[in-house]
């Protein structure tokens, strides 16, 4: 199974739970709470991921990164953005120097 398949399935599950009862679905509760709550969770999970990395604990790094990615998928769902679009952007950048890619953004904006 590819990573994009897992992201698509998880995204589909998040979308399916959008209209579930917030009392019985964490995703529904998070989406009903609005963007500020979602962003707070992303910040929290990012901090936990950073701390796991600083501690050098591979299992915790994996666990916290999974939480961070999950909450990022919830944020994308909040905005109606498919993870496929993000994967397409990563594919577009593949093979392009990070320095060149950043330079192209500053001249096109």
N, C-alpha and C. Protein backbone atom coordinates (compact mmCIF):
# COMPACT_ATOMS: atom_id res chain seq x y z
N UNK A 1 0.86 -1.18 0.00
CA UNK A 1 0.00 0.00 0.00
C UNK A 1 0.90 1.24 0.00
N UNK A 2 0.57 2.20 -0.85
CA UNK A 2 1.39 3.40 -0.93
C UNK A 2 0.98 4.42 0.13
N UNK A 3 1.91 5.32 0.41
CA UNK A 3 1.63 6.38 1.38
C UNK A 3 0.46 7.24 0.94
N UNK A 4 0.38 7.52 -0.37
CA UNK A 4 -0.72 8.35 -0.84
C UNK A 4 -2.07 7.65 -0.66
N UNK A 5 -2.09 6.32 -0.75
CA UNK A 5 -3.32 5.56 -0.52
C UNK A 5 -3.76 5.69 0.93
N UNK A 6 -2.81 5.61 1.84
CA UNK A 6 -3.12 5.75 3.27
C UNK A 6 -3.65 7.16 3.55
N UNK A 7 -2.98 8.17 2.99
CA UNK A 7 -3.45 9.55 3.18
C UNK A 7 -4.85 9.74 2.62
N UNK A 8 -5.11 9.17 1.45
CA UNK A 8 -6.44 9.29 0.82
C UNK A 8 -7.49 8.63 1.69
N UNK A 9 -7.22 7.41 2.20
CA UNK A 9 -8.19 6.72 3.06
C UNK A 9 -8.46 7.51 4.33
N UNK A 10 -7.41 8.02 4.94
CA UNK A 10 -7.57 8.80 6.17
C UNK A 10 -8.34 10.09 5.89
N UNK A 11 -8.03 10.73 4.78
CA UNK A 11 -8.77 11.94 4.38
C UNK A 11 -10.24 11.63 4.15
N UNK A 12 -10.53 10.51 3.51
CA UNK A 12 -11.93 10.10 3.27
C UNK A 12 -12.64 9.84 4.60
N UNK A 13 -11.95 9.23 5.55
CA UNK A 13 -12.54 8.97 6.87
C UNK A 13 -12.83 10.28 7.59
N UNK A 14 -11.89 11.23 7.52
CA UNK A 14 -12.09 12.54 8.15
C UNK A 14 -13.30 13.22 7.53
N UNK A 15 -13.41 13.18 6.21
CA UNK A 15 -14.55 13.79 5.52
C UNK A 15 -15.86 13.12 5.92
N UNK A 16 -15.85 11.80 6.04
CA UNK A 16 -17.06 11.06 6.41
C UNK A 16 -17.52 11.41 7.82
N UNK A 17 -16.59 11.76 8.68
CA UNK A 17 -16.93 12.08 10.07
C UNK A 17 -17.26 13.55 10.28
N UNK A 18 -17.11 14.35 9.24
CA UNK A 18 -17.37 15.79 9.33
C UNK A 18 -18.75 16.08 9.94
N UNK A 19 -19.76 15.31 9.55
CA UNK A 19 -21.13 15.58 10.00
C UNK A 19 -21.60 14.59 11.07
N UNK A 20 -20.65 13.88 11.65
CA UNK A 20 -21.00 12.96 12.73
C UNK A 20 -21.31 13.77 13.99
N UNK A 21 -21.81 13.07 14.98
CA UNK A 21 -22.11 13.70 16.27
C UNK A 21 -20.79 14.03 16.98
N UNK A 22 -20.55 15.31 17.27
CA UNK A 22 -19.31 15.70 17.96
C UNK A 22 -19.13 15.00 19.31
N UNK A 23 -20.22 14.52 19.89
CA UNK A 23 -20.11 13.81 21.17
C UNK A 23 -19.51 12.42 21.00
N UNK A 24 -19.57 11.89 19.76
CA UNK A 24 -19.07 10.53 19.54
C UNK A 24 -17.91 10.47 18.55
N UNK A 25 -17.53 11.62 17.96
CA UNK A 25 -16.45 11.62 16.98
C UNK A 25 -15.47 12.76 17.27
N UNK A 26 -14.22 12.39 17.52
CA UNK A 26 -13.19 13.40 17.78
C UNK A 26 -13.04 14.33 16.58
N UNK A 27 -13.07 13.78 15.37
CA UNK A 27 -12.92 14.60 14.16
C UNK A 27 -14.07 15.58 14.04
N UNK A 28 -15.29 15.11 14.24
CA UNK A 28 -16.46 16.00 14.17
C UNK A 28 -16.36 17.10 15.22
N UNK A 29 -15.94 16.74 16.41
CA UNK A 29 -15.79 17.72 17.49
C UNK A 29 -14.73 18.76 17.12
N UNK A 30 -13.61 18.31 16.59
CA UNK A 30 -12.54 19.22 16.22
C UNK A 30 -12.98 20.15 15.09
N UNK A 31 -13.61 19.60 14.07
CA UNK A 31 -14.08 20.43 12.95
C UNK A 31 -15.17 21.40 13.41
N UNK A 32 -16.05 20.97 14.30
CA UNK A 32 -17.11 21.84 14.81
C UNK A 32 -16.54 22.96 15.68
N UNK A 33 -15.38 22.71 16.29
CA UNK A 33 -14.76 23.72 17.15
C UNK A 33 -14.13 24.86 16.37
N UNK A 34 -13.87 24.63 15.08
CA UNK A 34 -13.36 25.69 14.24
C UNK A 34 -11.85 25.70 14.08
N UNK A 35 -11.43 26.61 13.22
CA UNK A 35 -10.03 26.67 12.82
C UNK A 35 -9.06 26.91 13.99
N UNK A 36 -9.40 27.81 14.90
CA UNK A 36 -8.48 28.11 15.99
C UNK A 36 -8.15 26.86 16.81
N UNK A 37 -9.14 26.03 17.09
CA UNK A 37 -8.92 24.79 17.84
C UNK A 37 -8.04 23.83 17.04
N UNK A 38 -8.31 23.73 15.74
CA UNK A 38 -7.52 22.85 14.87
C UNK A 38 -6.07 23.31 14.84
N UNK A 39 -5.87 24.61 14.68
CA UNK A 39 -4.50 25.15 14.62
C UNK A 39 -3.78 24.99 15.96
N UNK A 40 -4.51 25.11 17.05
CA UNK A 40 -3.91 24.90 18.37
C UNK A 40 -3.42 23.46 18.49
N UNK A 41 -4.21 22.50 17.99
CA UNK A 41 -3.80 21.10 18.04
C UNK A 41 -2.57 20.86 17.17
N UNK A 42 -2.50 21.50 16.00
CA UNK A 42 -1.33 21.35 15.14
C UNK A 42 -0.09 21.89 15.85
N UNK A 43 -0.23 23.06 16.47
CA UNK A 43 0.90 23.65 17.20
C UNK A 43 1.35 22.73 18.33
N UNK A 44 0.39 22.18 19.05
CA UNK A 44 0.70 21.26 20.16
C UNK A 44 1.43 20.03 19.65
N UNK A 45 0.92 19.45 18.57
CA UNK A 45 1.54 18.23 18.03
C UNK A 45 2.91 18.54 17.42
N UNK A 46 3.07 19.71 16.83
CA UNK A 46 4.38 20.10 16.29
C UNK A 46 5.40 20.22 17.42
N UNK A 47 4.99 20.83 18.52
CA UNK A 47 5.89 20.96 19.67
C UNK A 47 6.27 19.59 20.22
N UNK A 48 5.30 18.69 20.31
CA UNK A 48 5.58 17.34 20.81
C UNK A 48 6.51 16.58 19.85
N UNK A 49 6.35 16.81 18.56
CA UNK A 49 7.23 16.18 17.57
C UNK A 49 8.65 16.70 17.72
N UNK A 50 8.77 18.01 17.92
CA UNK A 50 10.09 18.62 18.12
C UNK A 50 10.76 18.04 19.36
N UNK A 51 10.02 17.93 20.44
CA UNK A 51 10.59 17.40 21.69
C UNK A 51 11.00 15.93 21.52
N UNK A 52 10.20 15.15 20.82
CA UNK A 52 10.55 13.75 20.57
C UNK A 52 11.84 13.67 19.75
N UNK A 53 11.96 14.55 18.78
CA UNK A 53 13.18 14.58 17.97
C UNK A 53 14.39 14.96 18.81
N UNK A 54 14.23 15.97 19.64
CA UNK A 54 15.34 16.39 20.51
C UNK A 54 15.75 15.26 21.45
N UNK A 55 14.77 14.46 21.90
CA UNK A 55 15.06 13.34 22.79
C UNK A 55 15.67 12.15 22.03
N UNK A 56 15.54 12.14 20.70
CA UNK A 56 16.11 11.08 19.89
C UNK A 56 15.41 9.74 20.02
N UNK A 57 14.16 9.77 20.46
CA UNK A 57 13.39 8.53 20.65
C UNK A 57 12.60 8.24 19.37
N UNK A 58 13.09 7.29 18.57
CA UNK A 58 12.49 7.00 17.26
C UNK A 58 11.01 6.65 17.36
N UNK A 59 10.63 5.84 18.34
CA UNK A 59 9.22 5.46 18.48
C UNK A 59 8.35 6.69 18.75
N UNK A 60 8.81 7.57 19.63
CA UNK A 60 8.05 8.78 19.93
C UNK A 60 8.02 9.74 18.74
N UNK A 61 9.11 9.82 18.00
CA UNK A 61 9.14 10.65 16.79
C UNK A 61 8.06 10.18 15.82
N UNK A 62 7.99 8.88 15.62
CA UNK A 62 6.99 8.30 14.70
C UNK A 62 5.58 8.59 15.22
N UNK A 63 5.34 8.33 16.49
CA UNK A 63 4.02 8.53 17.10
C UNK A 63 3.58 9.99 16.99
N UNK A 64 4.47 10.91 17.37
CA UNK A 64 4.11 12.33 17.36
C UNK A 64 3.97 12.87 15.93
N UNK A 65 4.78 12.37 15.01
CA UNK A 65 4.65 12.80 13.61
C UNK A 65 3.32 12.33 13.05
N UNK A 66 2.90 11.13 13.41
CA UNK A 66 1.59 10.64 12.97
C UNK A 66 0.48 11.54 13.49
N UNK A 67 0.56 11.97 14.75
CA UNK A 67 -0.43 12.90 15.30
C UNK A 67 -0.40 14.23 14.55
N UNK A 68 0.80 14.72 14.27
CA UNK A 68 0.93 15.99 13.55
C UNK A 68 0.34 15.89 12.16
N UNK A 69 0.64 14.84 11.44
CA UNK A 69 0.09 14.66 10.09
C UNK A 69 -1.44 14.52 10.14
N UNK A 70 -1.94 13.76 11.12
CA UNK A 70 -3.39 13.59 11.24
C UNK A 70 -4.07 14.95 11.42
N UNK A 71 -3.57 15.76 12.35
CA UNK A 71 -4.21 17.05 12.61
C UNK A 71 -4.04 18.00 11.43
N UNK A 72 -2.96 17.84 10.68
CA UNK A 72 -2.79 18.63 9.45
C UNK A 72 -3.84 18.21 8.42
N UNK A 73 -4.15 16.92 8.35
CA UNK A 73 -5.20 16.47 7.44
C UNK A 73 -6.57 17.03 7.85
N UNK A 74 -6.80 17.14 9.16
CA UNK A 74 -8.05 17.76 9.63
C UNK A 74 -8.10 19.22 9.19
N UNK A 75 -6.97 19.93 9.29
CA UNK A 75 -6.92 21.33 8.84
C UNK A 75 -7.22 21.43 7.35
N UNK A 76 -6.62 20.54 6.56
CA UNK A 76 -6.90 20.55 5.12
C UNK A 76 -8.39 20.32 4.87
N UNK A 77 -9.00 19.38 5.59
CA UNK A 77 -10.43 19.11 5.44
C UNK A 77 -11.24 20.35 5.80
N UNK A 78 -10.83 21.04 6.84
CA UNK A 78 -11.52 22.28 7.25
C UNK A 78 -11.57 23.27 6.08
N UNK A 79 -10.49 23.31 5.30
CA UNK A 79 -10.41 24.23 4.17
C UNK A 79 -10.90 23.63 2.86
N UNK A 80 -11.34 22.37 2.89
CA UNK A 80 -11.81 21.71 1.68
C UNK A 80 -10.69 21.39 0.70
N UNK A 81 -9.49 21.15 1.24
CA UNK A 81 -8.32 20.86 0.41
C UNK A 81 -7.99 19.38 0.53
N UNK A 82 -7.85 18.72 -0.59
CA UNK A 82 -7.49 17.31 -0.62
C UNK A 82 -5.99 17.15 -0.39
N UNK A 83 -5.59 16.10 0.32
CA UNK A 83 -4.15 15.86 0.46
C UNK A 83 -3.49 15.57 -0.90
N UNK A 84 -4.29 15.15 -1.87
CA UNK A 84 -3.76 14.90 -3.21
C UNK A 84 -3.15 16.17 -3.80
N UNK A 85 -3.74 17.32 -3.51
CA UNK A 85 -3.22 18.59 -4.02
C UNK A 85 -1.85 18.88 -3.41
N UNK A 86 -1.70 18.57 -2.13
CA UNK A 86 -0.41 18.78 -1.47
C UNK A 86 0.62 17.81 -2.05
N UNK A 87 0.22 16.56 -2.28
CA UNK A 87 1.13 15.59 -2.88
C UNK A 87 1.53 16.01 -4.29
N UNK A 88 0.60 16.60 -5.04
CA UNK A 88 0.93 17.11 -6.37
C UNK A 88 1.95 18.24 -6.28
N UNK A 89 1.81 19.09 -5.28
CA UNK A 89 2.78 20.18 -5.10
C UNK A 89 4.16 19.63 -4.75
N UNK A 90 4.19 18.60 -3.90
CA UNK A 90 5.48 17.98 -3.58
C UNK A 90 6.09 17.35 -4.83
N UNK A 91 5.26 16.71 -5.64
CA UNK A 91 5.75 16.11 -6.89
C UNK A 91 6.30 17.19 -7.82
N UNK A 92 5.63 18.33 -7.87
CA UNK A 92 6.08 19.43 -8.72
C UNK A 92 7.47 19.90 -8.28
N UNK A 93 7.69 19.91 -6.99
CA UNK A 93 8.96 20.39 -6.45
C UNK A 93 10.09 19.36 -6.52
N UNK A 94 9.73 18.10 -6.74
CA UNK A 94 10.73 17.04 -6.75
C UNK A 94 11.79 17.31 -7.80
N UNK A 95 13.03 17.22 -7.39
CA UNK A 95 14.14 17.44 -8.31
C UNK A 95 14.52 18.90 -8.49
N UNK A 96 13.80 19.80 -7.82
CA UNK A 96 14.12 21.22 -7.88
C UNK A 96 14.86 21.59 -6.60
N UNK A 97 15.95 22.29 -6.75
CA UNK A 97 16.69 22.75 -5.59
C UNK A 97 15.78 23.58 -4.70
N UNK A 98 15.85 23.39 -3.40
CA UNK A 98 15.06 24.19 -2.47
C UNK A 98 15.36 25.67 -2.62
N UNK A 99 16.60 26.00 -2.89
CA UNK A 99 16.98 27.39 -3.08
C UNK A 99 16.31 27.95 -4.33
N UNK A 100 16.35 27.18 -5.42
CA UNK A 100 15.71 27.63 -6.67
C UNK A 100 14.20 27.72 -6.51
N UNK A 101 13.60 26.76 -5.80
CA UNK A 101 12.15 26.77 -5.62
C UNK A 101 11.72 28.00 -4.83
N UNK A 102 12.44 28.31 -3.76
CA UNK A 102 12.11 29.51 -2.96
C UNK A 102 12.29 30.78 -3.79
N UNK A 103 13.32 30.84 -4.58
CA UNK A 103 13.56 32.01 -5.43
C UNK A 103 12.42 32.19 -6.43
N UNK A 104 11.90 31.09 -6.97
CA UNK A 104 10.83 31.21 -7.95
C UNK A 104 9.54 31.70 -7.30
N UNK A 105 9.33 31.38 -6.03
CA UNK A 105 8.13 31.86 -5.32
C UNK A 105 8.21 33.35 -5.08
N UNK A 106 9.37 33.85 -4.73
CA UNK A 106 9.48 35.28 -4.41
C UNK A 106 9.37 36.14 -5.66
N UNK A 107 9.73 35.62 -6.83
CA UNK A 107 9.61 36.41 -8.05
C UNK A 107 8.21 36.31 -8.66
N UNK A 108 7.47 35.24 -8.34
CA UNK A 108 6.13 35.08 -8.92
C UNK A 108 5.05 35.68 -8.03
N UNK A 109 5.40 36.13 -6.84
CA UNK A 109 4.37 36.67 -5.94
C UNK A 109 4.46 38.15 -5.82
